[in-house]
Amino acid sequence: MSKRRALLALVATFALVVALGWYVLRLTGVPVLPRPGAERPWAIMGPSVIYGMDEEGRKVVEIHVQGASVSQRGVYDLWGIDPAIWYRGEEGVVMASAGRGTYNERTRDAEISGGLKVSSKDGFFLETEELRWQYRPREIICPGALTVRHHDFTGQSDFAKYLVQEQKLICPNKVTGSIAQHVSLSGEGLVIDGKTQELTLQKVSGTIELGALEKHASG
């Protein structure tokens, strides 16, 4: 009878520890259950840094997270991403922050979304809702609506991709924007060359707000 009581006490203690752990995770905002469609987690991690390496062992991406869960297949479900850093050689060249995302350690691909802000050492800034990192072509894809900023230029478009090795941001669709808030522009495609810092807007048309320019000059 004593053995049975000891076993029941052990089970009760284990259940209490699990319940307390679940309660603490909920209080800290950690999603205990996986998002719909995600693989069942094999382990849950606290604040961590996740590294993606190429075949030669060189770092290509570094993701700082508040928490993560990882499945047995090596798929990470991430939250509190700040920052994610993409590398060109040994230099981190693109930085992003976002609410959550996923990383696949087998394919080395990643997706992040939610309050996404992206900055680059090539001089551009992006605001959008979703970013996809494709390891094989070394491309960062923004599949939806976005705002891009480069020096005095601010523009809006749908879809963009950044070629990490070539240092080029390409928006192939219609772009509307402005320069220093005084010149309104639109075009059929935008290319920002990070090497030369040149911005090319194709089939460009625009208007100049003369009143704003005069006010700016007089001020």
Protein backbone atom coordinates (compact mmCIF):
# COMPACT_ATOMS: atom_id res chain seq x y z
CA MET A 1 0.00 0.00 0.00
CA SER A 2 2.89 2.35 0.79
CA LYS A 3 4.36 1.75 -2.66
CA ARG A 4 1.05 2.67 -4.27
CA ARG A 5 0.82 5.85 -2.20
CA ALA A 6 4.39 6.75 -3.11
CA LEU A 7 3.60 6.23 -6.82
CA LEU A 8 0.45 8.36 -6.55
CA ALA A 9 2.43 11.08 -4.77
CA LEU A 10 5.07 11.01 -7.53
CA VAL A 11 2.43 11.29 -10.26
CA ALA A 12 0.69 14.13 -8.42
CA THR A 13 4.00 15.99 -8.02
CA PHE A 14 4.80 15.58 -11.73
CA ALA A 15 1.33 16.84 -12.69
CA LEU A 16 1.76 19.84 -10.38
CA VAL A 17 5.14 20.71 -11.94
CA VAL A 18 3.69 20.47 -15.46
CA ALA A 19 0.71 22.65 -14.50
CA LEU A 20 2.94 25.28 -12.89
CA GLY A 21 5.25 25.27 -15.90
CA TRP A 22 2.31 25.74 -18.25
CA TYR A 23 0.98 28.60 -16.08
CA VAL A 24 4.37 30.38 -16.01
CA LEU A 25 4.73 30.10 -19.78
CA ARG A 26 1.27 31.55 -20.27
CA LEU A 27 2.06 34.47 -17.93
CA THR A 28 5.24 35.28 -19.87
CA GLY A 29 3.40 35.27 -23.20
CA VAL A 30 5.05 32.12 -24.56
CA PRO A 31 2.67 30.20 -26.88
CA VAL A 32 2.41 26.79 -25.25
CA LEU A 33 0.53 25.18 -28.11
CA PRO A 34 1.95 25.24 -31.68
CA ARG A 35 0.36 27.52 -34.26
CA PRO A 36 -2.22 25.84 -36.56
CA GLY A 37 -0.47 23.61 -39.10
CA ALA A 38 2.84 23.58 -37.20
CA GLU A 39 4.58 20.37 -36.23
CA ARG A 40 4.23 19.26 -32.62
CA PRO A 41 7.19 20.73 -30.68
CA TRP A 42 9.96 18.42 -29.54
CA ALA A 43 11.45 21.07 -27.22
CA ILE A 44 10.58 24.60 -26.04
CA MET A 45 13.39 27.13 -25.68
CA GLY A 46 13.66 30.49 -23.90
CA PRO A 47 15.66 33.47 -25.20
CA SER A 48 18.03 32.01 -27.76
CA VAL A 49 20.19 32.67 -30.82
CA ILE A 50 19.66 30.38 -33.81
CA TYR A 51 22.40 30.15 -36.44
CA GLY A 52 22.15 29.07 -40.08
CA MET A 53 25.40 27.95 -41.73
CA ASP A 54 26.34 27.21 -45.32
CA GLU A 55 28.06 24.01 -46.49
CA GLU A 56 31.47 25.41 -45.52
CA GLY A 57 30.35 26.27 -42.00
CA ARG A 58 30.09 30.02 -42.64
CA LYS A 59 27.27 31.92 -40.98
CA VAL A 60 24.51 33.08 -43.36
CA VAL A 61 21.78 34.00 -40.87
CA GLU A 62 21.60 34.67 -37.14
CA ILE A 63 18.21 34.96 -35.43
CA HIS A 64 17.79 36.32 -31.89
CA VAL A 65 14.46 35.31 -30.35
CA GLN A 66 12.61 35.65 -27.06
CA GLY A 67 11.49 32.06 -27.39
CA ALA A 68 11.16 29.15 -29.79
CA SER A 69 9.91 25.62 -30.13
CA VAL A 70 11.63 23.06 -32.32
CA SER A 71 10.20 19.90 -33.88
CA GLN A 72 12.03 16.63 -34.37
CA ARG A 73 12.39 17.55 -38.05
CA GLY A 74 14.37 20.66 -37.18
CA VAL A 75 11.62 23.22 -37.85
CA TYR A 76 11.73 26.12 -35.40
CA ASP A 77 8.64 28.15 -34.49
CA LEU A 78 9.97 31.54 -33.35
CA TRP A 79 8.56 34.54 -31.49
CA GLY A 80 9.97 37.89 -30.44
CA ILE A 81 12.52 38.17 -33.27
CA ASP A 82 14.93 41.07 -32.65
CA PRO A 83 17.08 41.01 -34.64
CA ALA A 84 17.41 38.56 -37.49
CA ILE A 85 20.72 39.23 -39.28
CA TRP A 86 21.71 38.06 -42.77
CA TYR A 87 25.36 37.86 -43.70
CA ARG A 88 27.39 38.55 -46.82
CA GLY A 89 30.75 37.01 -46.12
CA GLU A 90 31.60 37.86 -42.52
CA GLU A 91 29.54 41.05 -42.43
CA GLY A 92 25.94 41.29 -41.26
CA VAL A 93 24.27 43.30 -44.01
CA VAL A 94 20.50 43.01 -43.44
CA MET A 95 18.77 43.32 -40.06
CA ALA A 96 15.09 42.72 -39.30
CA SER A 97 12.73 42.59 -36.34
CA ALA A 98 9.35 40.85 -36.30
CA GLY A 99 6.74 39.28 -34.06
CA ARG A 100 7.17 35.67 -35.07
CA GLY A 101 8.48 33.33 -37.74
CA THR A 102 9.83 29.91 -38.67
CA TYR A 103 13.26 28.54 -39.52
CA ASN A 104 14.04 25.19 -41.15
CA GLU A 105 17.51 23.97 -40.25
CA ARG A 106 17.53 21.45 -43.12
CA THR A 107 16.69 23.83 -45.96
CA ARG A 108 18.06 26.91 -44.10
CA ASP A 109 14.98 28.84 -45.27
CA ALA A 110 13.11 31.21 -42.95
CA GLU A 111 9.88 33.22 -42.83
CA ILE A 112 9.17 36.08 -40.42
CA SER A 113 6.11 38.30 -40.09
CA GLY A 114 4.21 40.74 -37.90
CA GLY A 115 5.33 44.35 -37.45
CA LEU A 116 8.25 43.67 -39.73
CA LYS A 117 10.97 46.31 -40.13
CA VAL A 118 14.07 45.74 -42.27
CA SER A 119 17.24 47.79 -42.61
CA SER A 120 20.27 47.23 -44.81
CA LYS A 121 23.86 48.45 -44.83
CA ASP A 122 23.25 49.11 -48.54
CA GLY A 123 21.14 52.06 -47.43
CA PHE A 124 17.50 51.00 -47.76
CA PHE A 125 14.73 50.41 -45.22
CA LEU A 126 11.60 48.30 -45.67
CA GLU A 127 8.32 48.04 -43.80
CA THR A 128 6.05 45.14 -44.69
CA GLU A 129 4.11 42.26 -43.12
CA GLU A 130 6.07 39.22 -44.30
CA LEU A 131 9.60 38.32 -45.31
CA ARG A 132 10.86 35.05 -46.77
CA TRP A 133 14.52 34.07 -46.79
CA GLN A 134 15.49 31.58 -49.52
CA TYR A 135 18.89 30.08 -48.78
CA ARG A 136 19.77 28.53 -52.15
CA PRO A 137 19.54 31.71 -54.27
CA ARG A 138 20.48 33.89 -51.24
CA GLU A 139 17.38 36.03 -51.72
CA ILE A 140 15.11 37.89 -49.32
CA ILE A 141 11.54 38.05 -50.65
CA CYS A 142 8.82 40.47 -49.53
CA PRO A 143 5.70 39.00 -51.19
CA GLY A 144 3.15 41.65 -50.19
CA ALA A 145 2.66 45.39 -49.97
CA LEU A 146 5.67 47.30 -48.70
CA THR A 147 7.19 50.72 -48.13
CA VAL A 148 10.80 51.24 -49.19
CA ARG A 149 13.03 54.13 -48.16
CA HIS A 150 16.42 55.05 -49.65
CA HIS A 151 17.95 58.40 -48.68
CA ASP A 152 15.35 61.05 -49.70
CA PHE A 153 13.17 58.59 -51.64
CA THR A 154 10.09 56.91 -50.13
CA GLY A 155 7.97 54.55 -52.25
CA GLN A 156 5.21 51.95 -52.05
CA SER A 157 4.90 48.81 -54.12
CA ASP A 158 3.72 45.20 -54.07
CA PHE A 159 6.50 42.60 -53.95
CA ALA A 160 10.24 43.06 -53.72
CA LYS A 161 13.31 40.87 -53.57
CA TYR A 162 16.81 41.59 -52.36
CA LEU A 163 19.75 39.72 -53.87
CA VAL A 164 22.18 39.48 -50.98
CA GLN A 165 25.30 38.64 -53.00
CA GLU A 166 24.58 41.11 -55.84
CA GLN A 167 23.53 43.87 -53.39
CA LYS A 168 20.40 44.75 -55.36
CA LEU A 169 16.85 45.48 -54.21
CA ILE A 170 14.35 44.91 -57.03
CA CYS A 171 10.68 45.97 -57.04
CA PRO A 172 9.37 44.73 -60.41
CA ASN A 173 5.83 46.07 -60.10
CA LYS A 174 4.38 49.58 -60.15
CA VAL A 175 5.98 51.94 -57.64
CA THR A 176 4.56 55.22 -56.36
CA GLY A 177 6.59 57.52 -54.18
CA SER A 178 8.17 60.87 -53.51
CA ILE A 179 11.54 62.56 -53.14
CA ALA A 180 11.95 64.72 -50.06
CA GLN A 181 8.11 65.05 -49.98
CA HIS A 182 8.24 67.66 -52.78
CA VAL A 183 8.45 65.53 -55.94
CA SER A 184 5.80 62.86 -56.54
CA LEU A 185 6.90 59.96 -58.73
CA SER A 186 5.56 56.74 -60.20
CA GLY A 187 7.15 54.10 -62.36
CA GLU A 188 6.90 50.55 -63.59
CA GLY A 189 9.79 49.13 -61.58
CA LEU A 190 12.48 50.10 -59.09
CA VAL A 191 16.07 48.93 -58.65
CA ILE A 192 18.39 50.06 -55.86
CA ASP A 193 22.04 49.12 -56.44
CA GLY A 194 23.79 48.85 -53.09
CA LYS A 195 27.26 48.94 -54.66
CA THR A 196 26.79 52.23 -56.52
CA GLN A 197 23.95 53.61 -54.34
CA GLU A 198 22.02 54.36 -57.55
CA LEU A 199 18.22 54.27 -57.57
CA THR A 200 16.58 53.53 -60.93
CA LEU A 201 12.84 54.04 -61.46
CA GLN A 202 11.71 52.78 -64.87
CA LYS A 203 9.20 54.60 -67.10
CA VAL A 204 9.08 57.36 -64.55
CA SER A 205 6.50 60.13 -64.42
CA GLY A 206 6.01 62.72 -61.74
CA THR A 207 4.96 66.12 -60.49
CA ILE A 208 6.74 68.82 -58.49
CA GLU A 209 4.99 70.67 -55.67
CA LEU A 210 6.32 74.15 -56.44
CA GLY A 211 4.63 75.76 -53.44
CA ALA A 212 6.28 73.31 -51.08
CA LEU A 213 9.65 73.85 -52.75
CA GLU A 214 9.34 77.65 -52.47
CA LYS A 215 8.37 77.36 -48.83
CA HIS A 216 11.30 75.01 -48.22
CA ALA A 217 13.73 77.38 -49.99
CA SER A 218 12.51 80.44 -48.11
CA GLY A 219 12.67 78.64 -44.81
